[in-house]
Amino acid sequence: MKFVQIRARAEKRKGVVGLKKLLPKNLAPKKLEFLGDGRYLAMMTKVVNQAGFSWKVIENKWPEFEEAFFKFDPNKLGLLSPEQWEAYTADRRVVRNWQKIRALRENVFFIQETVREFGSFGKFMANWPATNQIGLMDYLKRNGSRLGGNSGMYFLRRVGKDGFILSKDVVVTLKSAGLDIAERPTSQRDLKKVQDQFNEWHEETKLPFSHLSRIAACSVGENFL
């Protein structure tokens, strides 16, 4: 299926102007490069804490998270003792869930290791090609903590890295385009098919991957005007 057909469906549902307003904003590679290691760590922490929890509650508490975790400065957090990390389980400024707190601690070390290898986390992100998002997702899952699946994809979207999100409606669109994939594509086989399809649509339209993803999501389901 040509993407022009998918876009036409989305525009019929949302209107041309309405659809355009819904398209995500990506950061240019240079802006990704200079975003700052702490901002990447902050967004990792936000998506980890929002997973299985009220997004609104986390948004409302976020200034307190920033205060409690030293504005997510990896160097400061890297100096905390095990006892100081454990003390966060009694800190009302944050979600007092040890699994999520431990994920932050592990992601501090993930950021620091990446910085040692690439110079900054921003350089690492900026130089990773959008045509291999599944490779980046695999890297985040293997090296980070609790950054697999949707959390990894939402992390990329939130920091402004161009990429797709495999929401239910996006998967429906991919399947309607002829892809033989699971309803929740997680296998490397299925993810490669997804990446290949997005790469094909990108070549066809020259649109960013995040725009392709959002348009695909708006082309099916109940999301009419």
N, C-alpha and C. Protein backbone atom coordinates (compact mmCIF):
# COMPACT_ATOMS: atom_id res chain seq x y z
N MET A 1 0.84 -1.20 0.00
CA MET A 1 0.00 0.00 0.00
C MET A 1 0.88 1.25 0.00
N LYS A 2 0.56 2.19 -0.88
CA LYS A 2 1.29 3.44 -0.93
C LYS A 2 0.86 4.32 0.25
N PHE A 3 1.81 5.10 0.75
CA PHE A 3 1.50 5.90 1.93
C PHE A 3 0.51 7.01 1.61
N VAL A 4 0.45 7.43 0.36
CA VAL A 4 -0.50 8.48 -0.02
C VAL A 4 -1.92 8.08 0.32
N GLN A 5 -2.24 6.78 0.23
CA GLN A 5 -3.57 6.30 0.58
C GLN A 5 -3.81 6.39 2.09
N ILE A 6 -2.79 6.07 2.86
CA ILE A 6 -2.89 6.15 4.32
C ILE A 6 -3.06 7.60 4.76
N ARG A 7 -2.30 8.48 4.14
CA ARG A 7 -2.40 9.90 4.48
C ARG A 7 -3.79 10.45 4.13
N ALA A 8 -4.33 10.02 2.99
CA ALA A 8 -5.66 10.48 2.60
C ALA A 8 -6.71 10.07 3.62
N ARG A 9 -6.60 8.85 4.15
CA ARG A 9 -7.54 8.40 5.19
C ARG A 9 -7.42 9.26 6.44
N ALA A 10 -6.18 9.55 6.84
CA ALA A 10 -5.95 10.35 8.04
C ALA A 10 -6.47 11.77 7.86
N GLU A 11 -6.27 12.35 6.69
CA GLU A 11 -6.74 13.71 6.44
C GLU A 11 -8.26 13.78 6.42
N LYS A 12 -8.91 12.71 5.95
CA LYS A 12 -10.37 12.66 5.96
C LYS A 12 -10.90 12.64 7.39
N ARG A 13 -10.17 11.98 8.27
CA ARG A 13 -10.59 11.88 9.67
C ARG A 13 -10.29 13.15 10.45
N LYS A 14 -9.11 13.71 10.23
CA LYS A 14 -8.64 14.84 11.05
C LYS A 14 -8.73 16.19 10.36
N GLY A 15 -8.84 16.17 9.03
CA GLY A 15 -8.72 17.41 8.28
C GLY A 15 -7.25 17.68 8.00
N VAL A 16 -6.96 18.34 6.89
CA VAL A 16 -5.56 18.60 6.51
C VAL A 16 -4.85 19.43 7.58
N VAL A 17 -5.49 20.51 8.01
CA VAL A 17 -4.87 21.39 9.00
C VAL A 17 -4.80 20.70 10.35
N GLY A 18 -5.87 19.99 10.72
CA GLY A 18 -5.89 19.30 12.01
C GLY A 18 -4.81 18.25 12.11
N LEU A 19 -4.60 17.51 11.03
CA LEU A 19 -3.57 16.48 11.04
C LEU A 19 -2.18 17.09 11.17
N LYS A 20 -1.97 18.19 10.46
CA LYS A 20 -0.66 18.85 10.51
C LYS A 20 -0.32 19.29 11.93
N LYS A 21 -1.33 19.75 12.67
CA LYS A 21 -1.10 20.21 14.05
C LYS A 21 -0.71 19.07 14.99
N LEU A 22 -1.07 17.84 14.61
CA LEU A 22 -0.79 16.68 15.46
C LEU A 22 0.59 16.08 15.24
N LEU A 23 1.29 16.54 14.20
CA LEU A 23 2.57 15.92 13.87
C LEU A 23 3.64 16.27 14.90
N PRO A 24 4.39 15.28 15.38
CA PRO A 24 5.42 15.53 16.41
C PRO A 24 6.54 16.44 15.88
N LYS A 25 7.20 17.10 16.81
CA LYS A 25 8.34 17.94 16.47
C LYS A 25 9.63 17.19 16.82
N ASN A 26 10.51 17.05 15.85
CA ASN A 26 11.80 16.39 16.06
C ASN A 26 12.90 17.44 16.26
N LEU A 27 13.93 17.06 16.98
CA LEU A 27 15.10 17.92 17.11
C LEU A 27 16.11 17.58 16.03
N ALA A 28 16.74 18.59 15.50
CA ALA A 28 17.82 18.38 14.54
C ALA A 28 18.98 17.68 15.24
N PRO A 29 19.82 16.95 14.50
CA PRO A 29 20.94 16.24 15.13
C PRO A 29 21.79 17.11 16.03
N LYS A 30 22.07 18.35 15.63
CA LYS A 30 22.90 19.23 16.46
C LYS A 30 22.23 19.53 17.79
N LYS A 31 20.91 19.70 17.78
CA LYS A 31 20.19 19.98 19.02
C LYS A 31 20.13 18.73 19.90
N LEU A 32 20.00 17.57 19.28
CA LEU A 32 20.07 16.33 20.06
C LEU A 32 21.44 16.20 20.72
N GLU A 33 22.47 16.57 19.98
CA GLU A 33 23.84 16.44 20.47
C GLU A 33 24.08 17.31 21.70
N PHE A 34 23.45 18.50 21.72
CA PHE A 34 23.70 19.44 22.82
C PHE A 34 22.58 19.49 23.84
N LEU A 35 21.72 18.48 23.83
CA LEU A 35 20.60 18.47 24.77
C LEU A 35 21.05 18.34 26.22
N GLY A 36 22.13 17.62 26.45
CA GLY A 36 22.63 17.45 27.81
C GLY A 36 22.33 16.08 28.37
N ASP A 37 23.33 15.46 28.95
CA ASP A 37 23.18 14.09 29.47
C ASP A 37 22.07 14.00 30.52
N GLY A 38 21.95 15.05 31.35
CA GLY A 38 20.94 15.04 32.40
C GLY A 38 19.53 15.04 31.86
N ARG A 39 19.31 15.70 30.72
CA ARG A 39 17.96 15.73 30.14
C ARG A 39 17.59 14.36 29.59
N TYR A 40 18.55 13.66 29.04
CA TYR A 40 18.26 12.29 28.59
C TYR A 40 17.93 11.40 29.77
N LEU A 41 18.70 11.54 30.84
CA LEU A 41 18.45 10.73 32.04
C LEU A 41 17.08 11.07 32.63
N ALA A 42 16.73 12.35 32.62
CA ALA A 42 15.42 12.77 33.15
C ALA A 42 14.30 12.12 32.36
N MET A 43 14.42 12.11 31.03
CA MET A 43 13.33 11.56 30.23
C MET A 43 13.27 10.03 30.35
N MET A 44 14.42 9.38 30.51
CA MET A 44 14.40 7.95 30.79
C MET A 44 13.59 7.69 32.07
N THR A 45 13.86 8.50 33.07
CA THR A 45 13.21 8.32 34.37
C THR A 45 11.72 8.59 34.27
N LYS A 46 11.33 9.59 33.48
CA LYS A 46 9.91 9.92 33.36
C LYS A 46 9.15 8.77 32.70
N VAL A 47 9.68 8.22 31.61
CA VAL A 47 8.94 7.15 30.93
C VAL A 47 8.91 5.88 31.78
N VAL A 48 9.97 5.62 32.53
CA VAL A 48 9.99 4.44 33.42
C VAL A 48 8.94 4.60 34.51
N ASN A 49 8.82 5.81 35.07
CA ASN A 49 7.86 6.02 36.14
C ASN A 49 6.43 6.09 35.64
N GLN A 50 6.24 6.51 34.39
CA GLN A 50 4.88 6.57 33.85
C GLN A 50 4.37 5.20 33.41
N ALA A 51 5.27 4.26 33.19
CA ALA A 51 4.86 2.92 32.76
C ALA A 51 4.03 2.27 33.86
N GLY A 52 2.79 1.92 33.55
CA GLY A 52 1.92 1.27 34.51
C GLY A 52 1.43 2.19 35.61
N PHE A 53 1.53 3.50 35.39
CA PHE A 53 1.17 4.47 36.42
C PHE A 53 0.45 5.63 35.75
N SER A 54 -0.17 6.49 36.51
CA SER A 54 -0.86 7.65 35.96
C SER A 54 0.15 8.66 35.41
N TRP A 55 0.06 8.93 34.11
CA TRP A 55 0.96 9.92 33.50
C TRP A 55 0.76 11.29 34.14
N LYS A 56 -0.50 11.63 34.43
CA LYS A 56 -0.80 12.95 34.99
C LYS A 56 -0.16 13.13 36.36
N VAL A 57 -0.19 12.09 37.17
CA VAL A 57 0.41 12.17 38.51
C VAL A 57 1.92 12.45 38.39
N ILE A 58 2.58 11.74 37.48
CA ILE A 58 4.02 11.93 37.30
C ILE A 58 4.31 13.34 36.80
N GLU A 59 3.51 13.83 35.85
CA GLU A 59 3.69 15.19 35.34
C GLU A 59 3.56 16.20 36.47
N ASN A 60 2.56 16.03 37.32
CA ASN A 60 2.32 16.97 38.41
C ASN A 60 3.44 16.94 39.45
N LYS A 61 4.03 15.76 39.66
CA LYS A 61 5.10 15.63 40.64
C LYS A 61 6.48 15.93 40.06
N TRP A 62 6.56 16.17 38.76
CA TRP A 62 7.87 16.21 38.12
C TRP A 62 8.82 17.26 38.72
N PRO A 63 8.37 18.46 39.05
CA PRO A 63 9.30 19.41 39.69
C PRO A 63 9.95 18.85 40.96
N GLU A 64 9.20 18.03 41.70
CA GLU A 64 9.74 17.41 42.91
C GLU A 64 10.76 16.33 42.55
N PHE A 65 10.52 15.59 41.47
CA PHE A 65 11.50 14.63 40.98
C PHE A 65 12.82 15.35 40.66
N GLU A 66 12.70 16.47 39.96
CA GLU A 66 13.89 17.23 39.55
C GLU A 66 14.68 17.67 40.79
N GLU A 67 13.96 18.11 41.80
CA GLU A 67 14.62 18.55 43.04
C GLU A 67 15.27 17.38 43.77
N ALA A 68 14.54 16.30 43.90
CA ALA A 68 15.03 15.15 44.67
C ALA A 68 16.25 14.51 44.02
N PHE A 69 16.30 14.51 42.68
CA PHE A 69 17.37 13.82 41.96
C PHE A 69 18.39 14.78 41.35
N PHE A 70 18.59 15.94 42.00
CA PHE A 70 19.66 16.88 41.60
C PHE A 70 19.58 17.25 40.12
N LYS A 71 18.35 17.48 39.64
CA LYS A 71 18.10 17.82 38.23
C LYS A 71 18.71 16.77 37.29
N PHE A 72 18.79 15.56 37.79
CA PHE A 72 19.24 14.39 37.02
C PHE A 72 20.67 14.55 36.50
N ASP A 73 21.48 15.21 37.29
CA ASP A 73 22.91 15.33 36.95
C ASP A 73 23.56 13.96 37.17
N PRO A 74 24.01 13.29 36.10
CA PRO A 74 24.58 11.95 36.26
C PRO A 74 25.81 11.93 37.17
N ASN A 75 26.58 13.00 37.15
CA ASN A 75 27.79 13.03 37.98
C ASN A 75 27.46 13.08 39.47
N LYS A 76 26.45 13.88 39.83
CA LYS A 76 26.04 13.94 41.24
C LYS A 76 25.38 12.65 41.68
N LEU A 77 24.48 12.13 40.84
CA LEU A 77 23.79 10.89 41.20
C LEU A 77 24.75 9.71 41.26
N GLY A 78 25.81 9.77 40.45
CA GLY A 78 26.79 8.69 40.45
C GLY A 78 27.59 8.59 41.73
N LEU A 79 27.53 9.62 42.57
CA LEU A 79 28.28 9.64 43.83
C LEU A 79 27.47 9.13 45.02
N LEU A 80 26.17 8.88 44.80
CA LEU A 80 25.33 8.45 45.91
C LEU A 80 25.69 7.05 46.38
N SER A 81 25.61 6.85 47.67
CA SER A 81 25.88 5.54 48.26
C SER A 81 24.65 4.66 48.14
N PRO A 82 24.80 3.35 48.32
CA PRO A 82 23.62 2.46 48.31
C PRO A 82 22.57 2.89 49.32
N GLU A 83 23.02 3.36 50.48
CA GLU A 83 22.09 3.79 51.52
C GLU A 83 21.29 5.02 51.08
N GLN A 84 21.96 5.93 50.37
CA GLN A 84 21.27 7.13 49.88
C GLN A 84 20.23 6.78 48.81
N TRP A 85 20.56 5.81 47.98
CA TRP A 85 19.57 5.37 46.98
C TRP A 85 18.38 4.74 47.68
N GLU A 86 18.63 3.91 48.66
CA GLU A 86 17.54 3.24 49.38
C GLU A 86 16.66 4.24 50.11
N ALA A 87 17.23 5.37 50.52
CA ALA A 87 16.46 6.39 51.25
C ALA A 87 15.35 6.99 50.39
N TYR A 88 15.49 6.90 49.07
CA TYR A 88 14.45 7.43 48.19
C TYR A 88 13.13 6.66 48.32
N THR A 89 13.18 5.45 48.85
CA THR A 89 11.94 4.68 49.03
C THR A 89 11.06 5.29 50.12
N ALA A 90 11.60 6.24 50.87
CA ALA A 90 10.82 6.95 51.89
C ALA A 90 10.66 8.43 51.56
N ASP A 91 11.07 8.82 50.36
CA ASP A 91 11.04 10.23 49.95
C ASP A 91 9.72 10.51 49.22
N ARG A 92 8.87 11.34 49.83
CA ARG A 92 7.56 11.62 49.26
C ARG A 92 7.60 12.46 48.00
N ARG A 93 8.76 12.98 47.65
CA ARG A 93 8.86 13.79 46.42
C ARG A 93 8.84 12.92 45.17
N VAL A 94 9.09 11.62 45.32
CA VAL A 94 9.20 10.73 44.16
C VAL A 94 8.26 9.54 44.34
N VAL A 95 8.15 8.72 43.30
CA VAL A 95 7.41 7.46 43.43
C VAL A 95 8.27 6.49 44.22
N ARG A 96 7.77 6.07 45.37
CA ARG A 96 8.59 5.28 46.31
C ARG A 96 8.54 3.79 45.96
N ASN A 97 8.94 3.52 44.76
CA ASN A 97 8.96 2.14 44.25
C ASN A 97 10.41 1.79 43.98
N TRP A 98 10.93 0.79 44.70
CA TRP A 98 12.34 0.48 44.60
C TRP A 98 12.75 0.07 43.19
N GLN A 99 11.89 -0.64 42.46
CA GLN A 99 12.24 -1.06 41.11
C GLN A 99 12.48 0.14 40.20
N LYS A 100 11.67 1.17 40.35
CA LYS A 100 11.82 2.36 39.52
C LYS A 100 13.03 3.20 39.97
N ILE A 101 13.25 3.24 41.26
CA ILE A 101 14.43 3.96 41.77
C ILE A 101 15.70 3.25 41.34
N ARG A 102 15.71 1.93 41.43
CA ARG A 102 16.88 1.17 40.99
C ARG A 102 17.11 1.35 39.49
N ALA A 103 16.03 1.46 38.71
CA ALA A 103 16.19 1.70 37.27
C ALA A 103 16.92 3.00 37.02
N LEU A 104 16.59 4.04 37.78
CA LEU A 104 17.31 5.31 37.64
C LEU A 104 18.78 5.13 37.97
N ARG A 105 19.07 4.45 39.07
CA ARG A 105 20.47 4.23 39.45
C ARG A 105 21.22 3.50 38.33
N GLU A 106 20.61 2.48 37.76
CA GLU A 106 21.26 1.72 36.69
C GLU A 106 21.40 2.56 35.42
N ASN A 107 20.43 3.44 35.17
CA ASN A 107 20.52 4.29 33.98
C ASN A 107 21.54 5.40 34.14
N VAL A 108 21.83 5.78 35.38
CA VAL A 108 22.96 6.71 35.62
C VAL A 108 24.24 6.08 35.09
N PHE A 109 24.47 4.82 35.43
CA PHE A 109 25.68 4.13 34.98
C PHE A 109 25.65 3.90 33.47
N PHE A 110 24.46 3.65 32.92
CA PHE A 110 24.30 3.49 31.47
C PHE A 110 24.70 4.78 30.76
N ILE A 111 24.21 5.91 31.25
CA ILE A 111 24.58 7.21 30.67
C ILE A 111 26.08 7.42 30.76
N GLN A 112 26.65 7.16 31.93
CA GLN A 112 28.09 7.39 32.12
C GLN A 112 28.94 6.52 31.21
N GLU A 113 28.55 5.28 31.03
CA GLU A 113 29.30 4.38 30.14
C GLU A 113 29.20 4.87 28.70
N THR A 114 28.02 5.32 28.29
CA THR A 114 27.84 5.81 26.93
C THR A 114 28.66 7.08 26.71
N VAL A 115 28.70 7.94 27.71
CA VAL A 115 29.50 9.17 27.62
C VAL A 115 30.98 8.83 27.45
N ARG A 116 31.45 7.84 28.21
CA ARG A 116 32.86 7.45 28.08
C ARG A 116 33.18 6.94 26.68
N GLU A 117 32.22 6.27 26.06
CA GLU A 117 32.46 5.70 24.74
C GLU A 117 32.27 6.69 23.61
N PHE A 118 31.28 7.57 23.74
CA PHE A 118 30.91 8.44 22.61
C PHE A 118 31.17 9.92 22.86
N GLY A 119 31.55 10.29 24.06
CA GLY A 119 31.79 11.71 24.36
C GLY A 119 30.62 12.36 25.06
N SER A 120 29.41 12.04 24.66
CA SER A 120 28.19 12.49 25.32
C SER A 120 27.05 11.60 24.86
N PHE A 121 26.00 11.54 25.67
CA PHE A 121 24.86 10.74 25.26
C PHE A 121 24.19 11.38 24.05
N GLY A 122 24.25 12.71 23.98
CA GLY A 122 23.67 13.41 22.84
C GLY A 122 24.35 13.06 21.53
N LYS A 123 25.66 12.93 21.53
CA LYS A 123 26.37 12.53 20.31
C LYS A 123 25.95 11.13 19.87
N PHE A 124 25.83 10.24 20.85
CA PHE A 124 25.39 8.89 20.56
C PHE A 124 24.02 8.90 19.89
N MET A 125 23.08 9.68 20.45
CA MET A 125 21.73 9.73 19.92
C MET A 125 21.69 10.39 18.54
N ALA A 126 22.41 11.49 18.40
CA ALA A 126 22.37 12.25 17.16
C ALA A 126 22.90 11.45 15.98
N ASN A 127 23.87 10.58 16.24
CA ASN A 127 24.52 9.86 15.14
C ASN A 127 23.87 8.52 14.81
N TRP A 128 22.88 8.12 15.60
CA TRP A 128 22.22 6.84 15.30
C TRP A 128 21.18 7.07 14.21
N PRO A 129 21.23 6.34 13.09
CA PRO A 129 20.30 6.58 11.98
C PRO A 129 18.87 6.15 12.28
N ALA A 130 17.91 6.98 11.87
CA ALA A 130 16.50 6.65 12.06
C ALA A 130 16.10 5.43 11.25
N THR A 131 16.86 5.11 10.22
CA THR A 131 16.57 3.93 9.40
C THR A 131 16.87 2.63 10.13
N ASN A 132 17.46 2.73 11.31
CA ASN A 132 17.73 1.54 12.13
C ASN A 132 17.25 1.77 13.56
N GLN A 133 16.02 2.22 13.69
CA GLN A 133 15.47 2.45 15.03
C GLN A 133 15.42 1.16 15.83
N ILE A 134 15.14 0.04 15.19
CA ILE A 134 15.05 -1.21 15.95
C ILE A 134 16.39 -1.57 16.57
N GLY A 135 17.48 -1.16 15.92
CA GLY A 135 18.80 -1.38 16.51
C GLY A 135 19.00 -0.52 17.74
N LEU A 136 18.53 0.72 17.68
CA LEU A 136 18.63 1.61 18.83
C LEU A 136 17.75 1.11 19.97
N MET A 137 16.56 0.65 19.65
CA MET A 137 15.67 0.10 20.67
C MET A 137 16.31 -1.10 21.37
N ASP A 138 16.98 -1.94 20.59
CA ASP A 138 17.64 -3.11 21.16
C ASP A 138 18.80 -2.67 22.07
N TYR A 139 19.52 -1.64 21.65
CA TYR A 139 20.64 -1.12 22.46
C TYR A 139 20.13 -0.59 23.79
N LEU A 140 19.03 0.18 23.75
CA LEU A 140 18.46 0.73 24.98
C LEU A 140 18.00 -0.38 25.91
N LYS A 141 17.38 -1.40 25.32
CA LYS A 141 16.87 -2.51 26.13
C LYS A 141 18.01 -3.29 26.78
N ARG A 142 19.08 -3.55 26.03
CA ARG A 142 20.18 -4.37 26.54
C ARG A 142 21.07 -3.62 27.52
N ASN A 143 21.26 -2.33 27.31
CA ASN A 143 22.22 -1.57 28.10
C ASN A 143 21.58 -0.69 29.17
N GLY A 144 20.34 -0.25 28.92
CA GLY A 144 19.64 0.55 29.91
C GLY A 144 18.80 -0.32 30.82
N SER A 145 18.04 0.32 31.68
CA SER A 145 17.18 -0.39 32.62
C SER A 145 15.73 0.00 32.38
N ARG A 146 14.88 -1.01 32.11
CA ARG A 146 13.45 -0.82 31.90
C ARG A 146 13.16 0.12 30.72
N LEU A 147 14.00 0.02 29.69
CA LEU A 147 13.85 0.88 28.51
C LEU A 147 13.48 0.07 27.27
N GLY A 148 12.95 -1.12 27.47
CA GLY A 148 12.51 -1.93 26.33
C GLY A 148 11.09 -1.56 25.91
N GLY A 149 10.68 -2.07 24.77
CA GLY A 149 9.30 -1.92 24.30
C GLY A 149 8.83 -0.49 24.19
N ASN A 150 7.61 -0.24 24.70
CA ASN A 150 7.01 1.08 24.58
C ASN A 150 7.80 2.15 25.31
N SER A 151 8.39 1.81 26.44
CA SER A 151 9.16 2.81 27.20
C SER A 151 10.31 3.35 26.35
N GLY A 152 11.00 2.46 25.65
CA GLY A 152 12.09 2.90 24.79
C GLY A 152 11.61 3.79 23.67
N MET A 153 10.48 3.43 23.04
CA MET A 153 9.95 4.24 21.95
C MET A 153 9.45 5.60 22.43
N TYR A 154 8.79 5.63 23.59
CA TYR A 154 8.32 6.91 24.12
C TYR A 154 9.49 7.78 24.57
N PHE A 155 10.54 7.17 25.08
CA PHE A 155 11.74 7.93 25.42
C PHE A 155 12.29 8.64 24.19
N LEU A 156 12.40 7.92 23.08
CA LEU A 156 12.92 8.52 21.85
C LEU A 156 12.02 9.67 21.39
N ARG A 157 10.70 9.46 21.44
CA ARG A 157 9.77 10.50 21.01
C ARG A 157 9.89 11.74 21.92
N ARG A 158 9.99 11.51 23.22
CA ARG A 158 9.99 12.63 24.17
C ARG A 158 11.25 13.50 24.04
N VAL A 159 12.38 12.89 23.71
CA VAL A 159 13.60 13.69 23.59
C VAL A 159 13.74 14.33 22.21
N GLY A 160 12.83 14.00 21.30
CA GLY A 160 12.86 14.60 19.97
C GLY A 160 13.61 13.82 18.93
N LYS A 161 13.95 12.55 19.23
CA LYS A 161 14.62 11.70 18.25
C LYS A 161 13.58 11.19 17.26
N ASP A 162 13.85 11.35 15.98
CA ASP A 162 12.91 10.90 14.96
C ASP A 162 12.72 9.39 15.03
N GLY A 163 11.46 8.95 15.05
CA GLY A 163 11.21 7.52 15.11
C GLY A 163 9.72 7.22 15.20
N PHE A 164 9.38 5.96 15.01
CA PHE A 164 7.99 5.53 15.08
C PHE A 164 7.64 5.00 16.46
N ILE A 165 6.34 4.98 16.74
CA ILE A 165 5.81 4.34 17.95
C ILE A 165 4.80 3.29 17.52
N LEU A 166 4.94 2.09 18.02
CA LEU A 166 4.07 0.99 17.61
C LEU A 166 2.83 0.93 18.49
N SER A 167 2.00 1.96 18.36
CA SER A 167 0.72 1.95 19.05
C SER A 167 -0.20 0.95 18.37
N LYS A 168 -1.32 0.67 19.01
CA LYS A 168 -2.26 -0.30 18.45
C LYS A 168 -2.71 0.11 17.05
N ASP A 169 -3.03 1.41 16.85
CA ASP A 169 -3.50 1.87 15.55
C ASP A 169 -2.41 1.82 14.49
N VAL A 170 -1.17 2.08 14.88
CA VAL A 170 -0.06 1.98 13.93
C VAL A 170 0.10 0.53 13.47
N VAL A 171 0.00 -0.40 14.41
CA VAL A 171 0.12 -1.82 14.05
C VAL A 171 -1.01 -2.24 13.12
N VAL A 172 -2.23 -1.77 13.39
CA VAL A 172 -3.37 -2.07 12.51
C VAL A 172 -3.08 -1.57 11.10
N THR A 173 -2.53 -0.36 10.99
CA THR A 173 -2.20 0.19 9.68
C THR A 173 -1.13 -0.63 8.97
N LEU A 174 -0.12 -1.03 9.71
CA LEU A 174 0.94 -1.86 9.12
C LEU A 174 0.39 -3.19 8.62
N LYS A 175 -0.49 -3.79 9.40
CA LYS A 175 -1.07 -5.08 8.99
C LYS A 175 -1.98 -4.89 7.76
N SER A 176 -2.70 -3.76 7.72
CA SER A 176 -3.56 -3.50 6.57
C SER A 176 -2.74 -3.23 5.31
N ALA A 177 -1.48 -2.82 5.51
CA ALA A 177 -0.58 -2.59 4.37
C ALA A 177 0.05 -3.89 3.88
N GLY A 178 -0.26 -5.00 4.55
CA GLY A 178 0.20 -6.30 4.09
C GLY A 178 1.27 -6.96 4.94
N LEU A 179 1.67 -6.31 6.05
CA LEU A 179 2.72 -6.91 6.89
C LEU A 179 2.15 -8.06 7.71
N ASP A 180 2.82 -9.19 7.66
CA ASP A 180 2.45 -10.35 8.46
C ASP A 180 3.20 -10.27 9.78
N ILE A 181 2.62 -9.53 10.73
CA ILE A 181 3.26 -9.33 12.03
C ILE A 181 2.23 -9.59 13.13
N ALA A 182 2.74 -9.80 14.35
CA ALA A 182 1.86 -10.01 15.50
C ALA A 182 1.16 -8.71 15.88
N GLU A 183 0.09 -8.82 16.65
CA GLU A 183 -0.62 -7.63 17.11
C GLU A 183 0.25 -6.80 18.04
N ARG A 184 1.17 -7.47 18.71
CA ARG A 184 2.18 -6.76 19.50
C ARG A 184 3.54 -7.21 18.99
N PRO A 185 4.05 -6.55 17.95
CA PRO A 185 5.30 -7.00 17.34
C PRO A 185 6.51 -6.74 18.24
N THR A 186 7.08 -7.82 18.75
CA THR A 186 8.25 -7.69 19.63
C THR A 186 9.42 -8.54 19.16
N SER A 187 9.16 -9.52 18.31
CA SER A 187 10.25 -10.37 17.83
C SER A 187 11.13 -9.60 16.86
N GLN A 188 12.38 -9.99 16.76
CA GLN A 188 13.29 -9.33 15.82
C GLN A 188 12.78 -9.48 14.38
N ARG A 189 12.17 -10.61 14.09
CA ARG A 189 11.61 -10.84 12.75
C ARG A 189 10.54 -9.79 12.44
N ASP A 190 9.59 -9.61 13.37
CA ASP A 190 8.52 -8.65 13.15
C ASP A 190 9.04 -7.21 13.12
N LEU A 191 9.95 -6.90 14.03
CA LEU A 191 10.48 -5.54 14.09
C LEU A 191 11.25 -5.18 12.83
N LYS A 192 11.94 -6.15 12.24
CA LYS A 192 12.65 -5.88 10.98
C LYS A 192 11.65 -5.56 9.87
N LYS A 193 10.54 -6.29 9.84
CA LYS A 193 9.51 -6.01 8.85
C LYS A 193 8.95 -4.60 9.04
N VAL A 194 8.73 -4.23 10.29
CA VAL A 194 8.22 -2.89 10.59
C VAL A 194 9.22 -1.83 10.13
N GLN A 195 10.49 -2.01 10.48
CA GLN A 195 11.51 -1.03 10.08
C GLN A 195 11.60 -0.93 8.57
N ASP A 196 11.58 -2.06 7.89
CA ASP A 196 11.66 -2.05 6.43
C ASP A 196 10.49 -1.29 5.82
N GLN A 197 9.29 -1.47 6.39
CA GLN A 197 8.11 -0.78 5.86
C GLN A 197 8.22 0.73 6.08
N PHE A 198 8.64 1.13 7.27
CA PHE A 198 8.81 2.56 7.53
C PHE A 198 9.91 3.15 6.65
N ASN A 199 10.98 2.40 6.43
CA ASN A 199 12.04 2.88 5.54
C ASN A 199 11.50 3.07 4.11
N GLU A 200 10.64 2.15 3.70
CA GLU A 200 10.06 2.25 2.36
C GLU A 200 9.16 3.48 2.26
N TRP A 201 8.33 3.70 3.27
CA TRP A 201 7.46 4.88 3.27
C TRP A 201 8.28 6.16 3.34
N HIS A 202 9.37 6.13 4.08
CA HIS A 202 10.25 7.30 4.18
C HIS A 202 10.85 7.64 2.81
N GLU A 203 11.27 6.63 2.09
CA GLU A 203 11.82 6.84 0.76
C GLU A 203 10.75 7.39 -0.19
N GLU A 204 9.54 6.88 -0.04
CA GLU A 204 8.43 7.30 -0.90
C GLU A 204 8.03 8.75 -0.66
N THR A 205 7.98 9.16 0.63
CA THR A 205 7.39 10.45 0.98
C THR A 205 8.40 11.51 1.41
N LYS A 206 9.61 11.06 1.85
CA LYS A 206 10.62 11.94 2.44
C LYS A 206 10.16 12.55 3.77
N LEU A 207 9.10 12.01 4.35
CA LEU A 207 8.61 12.49 5.64
C LEU A 207 9.44 11.90 6.78
N PRO A 208 9.56 12.60 7.90
CA PRO A 208 10.21 12.02 9.07
C PRO A 208 9.45 10.78 9.55
N PHE A 209 10.15 9.88 10.20
CA PHE A 209 9.53 8.64 10.68
C PHE A 209 8.44 8.92 11.72
N SER A 210 8.64 9.95 12.54
CA SER A 210 7.63 10.28 13.55
C SER A 210 6.34 10.76 12.89
N HIS A 211 6.45 11.48 11.77
CA HIS A 211 5.26 11.94 11.04
C HIS A 211 4.55 10.76 10.39
N LEU A 212 5.32 9.86 9.81
CA LEU A 212 4.72 8.66 9.22
C LEU A 212 3.94 7.88 10.28
N SER A 213 4.53 7.76 11.45
CA SER A 213 3.92 7.01 12.55
C SER A 213 2.62 7.67 13.00
N ARG A 214 2.65 8.98 13.20
CA ARG A 214 1.45 9.69 13.66
C ARG A 214 0.34 9.66 12.61
N ILE A 215 0.69 9.86 11.36
CA ILE A 215 -0.30 9.81 10.29
C ILE A 215 -0.93 8.42 10.21
N ALA A 216 -0.09 7.39 10.32
CA ALA A 216 -0.59 6.01 10.30
C ALA A 216 -1.57 5.79 11.46
N ALA A 217 -1.24 6.31 12.64
CA ALA A 217 -2.09 6.15 13.80
C ALA A 217 -3.44 6.84 13.62
N CYS A 218 -3.43 7.96 12.89
CA CYS A 218 -4.66 8.75 12.69
C CYS A 218 -5.50 8.23 11.53
N SER A 219 -5.03 7.24 10.84
CA SER A 219 -5.73 6.77 9.63
C SER A 219 -6.73 5.65 9.89
N VAL A 220 -6.77 5.13 11.11
CA VAL A 220 -7.67 4.04 11.45
C VAL A 220 -8.30 4.28 12.82
N GLY A 221 -9.20 3.40 13.21
CA GLY A 221 -9.79 3.48 14.55
C GLY A 221 -10.90 4.50 14.65
N GLU A 222 -11.09 5.01 15.86
CA GLU A 222 -12.21 5.90 16.15
C GLU A 222 -11.79 7.36 16.22
N ASN A 223 -10.58 7.68 15.75
CA ASN A 223 -10.07 9.04 15.93
C ASN A 223 -10.53 10.00 14.82
N PHE A 224 -11.83 10.14 14.67
CA PHE A 224 -12.37 11.12 13.73
C PHE A 224 -12.37 12.49 14.39
N LEU A 225 -12.63 13.52 13.59
CA LEU A 225 -12.77 14.85 14.15
C LEU A 225 -13.94 14.87 15.13
